[in-house]
Amino acid sequence: MIAKTTIARASMSAAILLRMVFFVIVLIGPIGAFAALHANSDPDNHRAGLVLFVSLERAG
């Protein structure tokens, strides 16, 4: 009886961990990829990020 509950808990924990990993990959992955892609770009392009940041601050 104890083994079944242990397996059930482990299975539920694995499912939650998988959901968390998927959530991070879907939401954080593209942002990280974009940042890595533009890490060595022209410094003048940073103004576009500032404009986006200010726009998001005003919208919120």
C-alpha atoms as a PDB file:
ATOM      1  CA  MET A   1       0.000   0.000   0.000  1.00  0.00           C
ATOM      2  CA  ILE A   2       2.788   2.414   0.854  1.00  0.00           C
ATOM      3  CA  ALA A   3       4.592   1.653  -2.408  1.00  0.00           C
ATOM      4  CA  LYS A   4       1.523   2.615  -4.446  1.00  0.00           C
ATOM      5  CA  THR A   5       1.213   5.995  -2.762  1.00  0.00           C
ATOM      6  CA  THR A   6       4.944   6.588  -3.162  1.00  0.00           C
ATOM      7  CA  ILE A   7       4.735   5.780  -6.863  1.00  0.00           C
ATOM      8  CA  ALA A   8       1.656   7.999  -7.217  1.00  0.00           C
ATOM      9  CA  ARG A   9       3.436  10.897  -5.497  1.00  0.00           C
ATOM     10  CA  ALA A  10       6.538  10.430  -7.631  1.00  0.00           C
ATOM     11  CA  SER A  11       4.413  10.318 -10.759  1.00  0.00           C
ATOM     12  CA  MET A  12       2.569  13.492  -9.770  1.00  0.00           C
ATOM     13  CA  SER A  13       5.840  15.234  -8.922  1.00  0.00           C
ATOM     14  CA  ALA A  14       7.300  14.219 -12.283  1.00  0.00           C
ATOM     15  CA  ALA A  15       4.207  15.553 -14.070  1.00  0.00           C
ATOM     16  CA  ILE A  16       4.447  18.881 -12.236  1.00  0.00           C
ATOM     17  CA  LEU A  17       8.173  19.115 -12.995  1.00  0.00           C
ATOM     18  CA  LEU A  18       7.506  18.404 -16.665  1.00  0.00           C
ATOM     19  CA  ARG A  19       4.869  21.146 -16.760  1.00  0.00           C
ATOM     20  CA  MET A  20       7.272  23.591 -15.129  1.00  0.00           C
ATOM     21  CA  VAL A  21      10.030  22.779 -17.624  1.00  0.00           C
ATOM     22  CA  PHE A  22       7.610  23.145 -20.532  1.00  0.00           C
ATOM     23  CA  PHE A  23       6.385  26.489 -19.139  1.00  0.00           C
ATOM     24  CA  VAL A  24       9.951  27.808 -18.862  1.00  0.00           C
ATOM     25  CA  ILE A  25      10.885  26.593 -22.348  1.00  0.00           C
ATOM     26  CA  VAL A  26       7.813  28.174 -23.947  1.00  0.00           C
ATOM     27  CA  LEU A  27       7.926  31.525 -22.137  1.00  0.00           C
ATOM     28  CA  ILE A  28      11.566  32.140 -21.264  1.00  0.00           C
ATOM     29  CA  GLY A  29      13.241  30.321 -24.165  1.00  0.00           C
ATOM     30  CA  PRO A  30      12.307  32.788 -26.928  1.00  0.00           C
ATOM     31  CA  ILE A  31      13.314  35.748 -24.763  1.00  0.00           C
ATOM     32  CA  GLY A  32      16.692  34.175 -24.027  1.00  0.00           C
ATOM     33  CA  ALA A  33      17.204  33.290 -27.674  1.00  0.00           C
ATOM     34  CA  PHE A  34      16.365  36.835 -28.743  1.00  0.00           C
ATOM     35  CA  ALA A  35      18.748  38.300 -26.168  1.00  0.00           C
ATOM     36  CA  ALA A  36      21.535  35.930 -27.188  1.00  0.00           C
ATOM     37  CA  LEU A  37      20.987  36.695 -30.860  1.00  0.00           C
ATOM     38  CA  HIS A  38      21.222  40.446 -30.330  1.00  0.00           C
ATOM     39  CA  ALA A  39      23.932  40.448 -27.663  1.00  0.00           C
ATOM     40  CA  ASN A  40      26.638  41.608 -30.101  1.00  0.00           C
ATOM     41  CA  SER A  41      24.483  43.937 -32.164  1.00  0.00           C
ATOM     42  CA  ASP A  42      24.924  47.652 -32.731  1.00  0.00           C
ATOM     43  CA  PRO A  43      24.556  49.674 -29.493  1.00  0.00           C
ATOM     44  CA  ASP A  44      22.132  52.026 -31.230  1.00  0.00           C
ATOM     45  CA  ASN A  45      19.568  49.229 -31.266  1.00  0.00           C
ATOM     46  CA  HIS A  46      19.245  49.360 -27.479  1.00  0.00           C
ATOM     47  CA  ARG A  47      17.011  52.384 -27.806  1.00  0.00           C
ATOM     48  CA  ALA A  48      14.317  50.183 -29.337  1.00  0.00           C
ATOM     49  CA  GLY A  49      14.356  48.064 -26.179  1.00  0.00           C
ATOM     50  CA  LEU A  50      13.979  51.165 -24.046  1.00  0.00           C
ATOM     51  CA  VAL A  51      11.001  52.319 -26.104  1.00  0.00           C
ATOM     52  CA  LEU A  52       9.413  48.882 -25.729  1.00  0.00           C
ATOM     53  CA  PHE A  53      10.068  48.893 -21.978  1.00  0.00           C
ATOM     54  CA  VAL A  54       8.522  52.342 -21.507  1.00  0.00           C
ATOM     55  CA  SER A  55       5.517  51.358 -23.635  1.00  0.00           C
ATOM     56  CA  LEU A  56       4.948  48.250 -21.525  1.00  0.00           C
ATOM     57  CA  GLU A  57       5.278  50.284 -18.327  1.00  0.00           C
ATOM     58  CA  ARG A  58       2.648  52.749 -19.518  1.00  0.00           C
ATOM     59  CA  ALA A  59       0.288  49.965 -20.585  1.00  0.00           C
ATOM     60  CA  GLY A  60       0.551  48.263 -17.171  1.00  0.00           C
END
